[in-house]
Amino acid sequence: MRRRSQAERDAITVEIGYALLSACFLGAVMFATIAGPAAVWDLPRAVDRFLLAAGTWVGGALAVIRVIHVLRRYGRPR
């Protein structure tokens, strides 16, 4: 096993940062899309709670999937 060069370590750091940043953005957009109507309209409490829970779960799940997708794509041999 060889030592990684500074350029390789920097590339990995940038890729991890990109994965996390794009995952946060995707999660926030999906949360706002699903839970947004609860903030805009006067809906029954049960519907509000469901939209907030659904937005949280979908946004979180997609963020995790995005991180995995970006890092696996980066880790493939060229």
Protein backbone atom coordinates (compact mmCIF):
# COMPACT_ATOMS: atom_id res chain seq x y z
CA MET A 1 0.00 0.00 0.00
CA ARG A 2 1.54 3.29 -1.06
CA ARG A 3 1.28 6.65 0.62
CA ARG A 4 -1.08 9.17 -0.93
CA SER A 5 0.35 12.39 -2.27
CA GLN A 6 -0.81 15.76 -0.96
CA ALA A 7 -2.72 16.35 -4.21
CA GLU A 8 -4.62 13.07 -3.77
CA ARG A 9 -5.48 13.90 -0.16
CA ASP A 10 -6.66 17.36 -1.21
CA ALA A 11 -8.80 15.85 -3.98
CA ILE A 12 -10.44 13.48 -1.51
CA THR A 13 -11.13 16.35 0.89
CA VAL A 14 -12.71 18.44 -1.87
CA GLU A 15 -14.83 15.51 -3.02
CA ILE A 16 -16.11 14.85 0.51
CA GLY A 17 -16.95 18.54 0.89
CA TYR A 18 -18.79 18.53 -2.43
CA ALA A 19 -20.72 15.40 -1.47
CA LEU A 20 -21.82 16.90 1.85
CA LEU A 21 -22.69 20.31 0.42
CA SER A 22 -24.71 18.92 -2.48
CA ALA A 23 -26.45 16.48 -0.12
CA CYS A 24 -27.45 19.30 2.24
CA PHE A 25 -28.78 21.33 -0.66
CA LEU A 26 -30.76 18.40 -2.06
CA GLY A 27 -32.16 17.54 1.37
CA ALA A 28 -33.20 21.13 2.02
CA VAL A 29 -34.89 21.49 -1.37
CA MET A 30 -36.81 18.24 -0.92
CA PHE A 31 -37.82 19.16 2.62
CA ALA A 32 -39.06 22.58 1.46
CA THR A 33 -40.93 21.01 -1.44
CA ILE A 34 -42.76 18.49 0.70
CA ALA A 35 -43.23 20.47 3.93
CA GLY A 36 -43.68 23.88 2.30
CA PRO A 37 -47.46 23.67 2.00
CA ALA A 38 -47.67 23.19 5.77
CA ALA A 39 -46.00 26.56 6.26
CA VAL A 40 -48.01 28.38 3.60
CA TRP A 41 -51.55 27.05 4.03
CA ASP A 42 -53.69 26.57 7.10
CA LEU A 43 -54.01 22.78 7.05
CA PRO A 44 -55.31 20.43 9.75
CA ARG A 45 -52.75 19.62 12.43
CA ALA A 46 -52.46 15.96 11.39
CA VAL A 47 -51.66 16.97 7.81
CA ASP A 48 -49.08 19.50 9.02
CA ARG A 49 -47.35 16.89 11.14
CA PHE A 50 -47.42 14.34 8.31
CA LEU A 51 -45.93 16.79 5.79
CA LEU A 52 -43.17 17.79 8.21
CA ALA A 53 -42.35 14.15 9.00
CA ALA A 54 -42.45 13.12 5.35
CA GLY A 55 -40.26 16.06 4.33
CA THR A 56 -37.74 15.21 7.04
CA TRP A 57 -37.55 11.55 6.10
CA VAL A 58 -37.41 12.06 2.34
CA GLY A 59 -34.92 14.92 2.57
CA GLY A 60 -32.69 12.97 4.94
CA ALA A 61 -32.83 9.78 2.91
CA LEU A 62 -32.02 11.57 -0.34
CA ALA A 63 -29.13 13.41 1.32
CA VAL A 64 -27.61 10.12 2.48
CA ILE A 65 -28.13 8.56 -0.95
CA ARG A 66 -26.46 11.60 -2.57
CA VAL A 67 -23.36 11.33 -0.35
CA ILE A 68 -23.05 7.61 -1.09
CA HIS A 69 -23.53 8.16 -4.83
CA VAL A 70 -20.91 10.93 -5.09
CA LEU A 71 -18.29 9.12 -3.00
CA ARG A 72 -18.78 5.77 -4.74
CA ARG A 73 -18.51 7.46 -8.13
CA TYR A 74 -15.29 9.15 -7.01
CA GLY A 75 -13.86 5.91 -5.65
CA ARG A 76 -14.20 3.98 -8.91
CA PRO A 77 -10.92 3.16 -10.60
CA ARG A 78 -10.28 5.27 -13.65
